[in-house]
Amino acid sequence: MNVTFMVHNGRQHIKVLVTEDMVGHKLGEFAPTRTFKGHGGKGKR
């Protein structure tokens, strides 16, 4: 299939390459809206 769509995540547009196993899902599921900064590391207690 290999079709590319531009999906808006609330802040910017993200390219999403749709493959055959993505059929039946919504495009927004593949555009993350939040960035993970990580859990506390050294010295963060």
N, C-alpha and C. Protein backbone atom coordinates (compact mmCIF):
# COMPACT_ATOMS: atom_id res chain seq x y z
N MET A 1 0.84 -1.18 0.00
CA MET A 1 0.00 0.00 0.00
C MET A 1 0.89 1.25 0.00
N ASN A 2 1.66 1.49 1.05
CA ASN A 2 2.68 2.55 1.13
C ASN A 2 2.21 3.91 0.61
N VAL A 3 1.24 4.50 1.29
CA VAL A 3 0.74 5.83 0.97
C VAL A 3 1.12 6.76 2.13
N THR A 4 1.58 7.97 1.82
CA THR A 4 2.00 8.92 2.84
C THR A 4 0.95 10.01 3.02
N PHE A 5 0.58 10.27 4.28
CA PHE A 5 -0.35 11.33 4.63
C PHE A 5 0.34 12.28 5.59
N MET A 6 -0.09 13.54 5.58
CA MET A 6 0.36 14.51 6.57
C MET A 6 -0.74 14.63 7.62
N VAL A 7 -0.42 14.29 8.88
CA VAL A 7 -1.41 14.30 9.96
C VAL A 7 -1.03 15.39 10.95
N HIS A 8 -2.00 16.21 11.33
CA HIS A 8 -1.75 17.29 12.28
C HIS A 8 -1.96 16.77 13.69
N ASN A 9 -0.98 17.00 14.57
CA ASN A 9 -1.06 16.48 15.94
C ASN A 9 -1.42 17.58 16.94
N GLY A 10 -1.83 18.73 16.46
CA GLY A 10 -2.18 19.84 17.34
C GLY A 10 -1.13 20.92 17.35
N ARG A 11 0.07 20.59 16.90
CA ARG A 11 1.15 21.56 16.88
C ARG A 11 1.83 21.63 15.53
N GLN A 12 2.02 20.49 14.90
CA GLN A 12 2.69 20.46 13.60
C GLN A 12 2.16 19.29 12.78
N HIS A 13 2.50 19.28 11.50
CA HIS A 13 2.10 18.18 10.64
C HIS A 13 3.21 17.12 10.63
N ILE A 14 2.80 15.86 10.72
CA ILE A 14 3.74 14.75 10.76
C ILE A 14 3.43 13.81 9.62
N LYS A 15 4.48 13.37 8.90
CA LYS A 15 4.28 12.41 7.82
C LYS A 15 4.00 11.03 8.41
N VAL A 16 2.94 10.40 7.92
CA VAL A 16 2.58 9.05 8.35
C VAL A 16 2.54 8.18 7.11
N LEU A 17 3.40 7.15 7.09
CA LEU A 17 3.43 6.20 5.99
C LEU A 17 2.49 5.05 6.34
N VAL A 18 1.43 4.90 5.56
CA VAL A 18 0.41 3.89 5.83
C VAL A 18 0.79 2.59 5.14
N THR A 19 0.89 1.53 5.94
CA THR A 19 1.16 0.21 5.40
C THR A 19 -0.10 -0.65 5.53
N GLU A 20 -0.05 -1.85 5.03
CA GLU A 20 -1.25 -2.69 4.98
C GLU A 20 -1.76 -3.06 6.37
N ASP A 21 -0.89 -3.20 7.36
CA ASP A 21 -1.35 -3.57 8.69
C ASP A 21 -1.95 -2.39 9.45
N MET A 22 -1.88 -1.17 8.91
CA MET A 22 -2.49 -0.01 9.53
C MET A 22 -3.94 0.20 9.07
N VAL A 23 -4.37 -0.54 8.08
CA VAL A 23 -5.72 -0.37 7.54
C VAL A 23 -6.74 -0.72 8.61
N GLY A 24 -7.73 0.13 8.78
CA GLY A 24 -8.75 -0.07 9.81
C GLY A 24 -8.52 0.77 11.04
N HIS A 25 -7.35 1.40 11.16
CA HIS A 25 -7.05 2.28 12.28
C HIS A 25 -7.26 3.73 11.85
N LYS A 26 -7.36 4.62 12.82
CA LYS A 26 -7.47 6.05 12.52
C LYS A 26 -6.06 6.62 12.38
N LEU A 27 -5.89 7.61 11.51
CA LEU A 27 -4.56 8.16 11.25
C LEU A 27 -3.99 8.85 12.48
N GLY A 28 -4.83 9.41 13.33
CA GLY A 28 -4.35 10.09 14.53
C GLY A 28 -3.66 9.17 15.52
N GLU A 29 -3.87 7.87 15.41
CA GLU A 29 -3.21 6.93 16.31
C GLU A 29 -1.71 6.87 16.07
N PHE A 30 -1.27 7.30 14.90
CA PHE A 30 0.13 7.19 14.53
C PHE A 30 0.84 8.54 14.57
N ALA A 31 0.18 9.58 15.08
CA ALA A 31 0.78 10.90 15.23
C ALA A 31 0.79 11.24 16.72
N PRO A 32 1.88 10.97 17.43
CA PRO A 32 1.90 11.23 18.88
C PRO A 32 1.74 12.72 19.18
N THR A 33 0.96 13.01 20.21
CA THR A 33 0.68 14.40 20.57
C THR A 33 1.53 14.88 21.74
N ARG A 34 2.14 13.95 22.47
CA ARG A 34 2.93 14.33 23.64
C ARG A 34 4.35 13.82 23.50
N THR A 35 5.29 14.59 24.01
CA THR A 35 6.69 14.18 23.96
C THR A 35 7.10 13.65 25.33
N PHE A 36 7.78 12.53 25.35
CA PHE A 36 8.20 11.91 26.60
C PHE A 36 9.58 12.44 26.96
N LYS A 37 9.68 13.12 28.09
CA LYS A 37 10.95 13.70 28.52
C LYS A 37 11.75 12.75 29.40
N GLY A 38 11.18 11.64 29.78
CA GLY A 38 11.88 10.66 30.60
C GLY A 38 11.54 10.81 32.07
N HIS A 39 11.75 9.75 32.79
CA HIS A 39 11.54 9.77 34.22
C HIS A 39 12.78 10.34 34.89
N GLY A 40 12.69 10.55 36.18
CA GLY A 40 13.80 11.14 36.92
C GLY A 40 15.09 10.33 36.79
N GLY A 41 16.17 11.01 36.60
CA GLY A 41 17.46 10.36 36.46
C GLY A 41 18.29 10.54 37.72
N LYS A 42 19.60 10.63 37.56
CA LYS A 42 20.49 10.80 38.71
C LYS A 42 20.25 12.16 39.35
N GLY A 43 20.17 12.16 40.67
CA GLY A 43 20.04 13.41 41.41
C GLY A 43 18.64 13.97 41.46
N LYS A 44 17.66 13.30 40.92
CA LYS A 44 16.29 13.81 40.96
C LYS A 44 15.48 13.01 41.96
N ARG A 45 15.73 13.21 43.23
CA ARG A 45 14.98 12.50 44.27
C ARG A 45 14.33 13.48 45.19
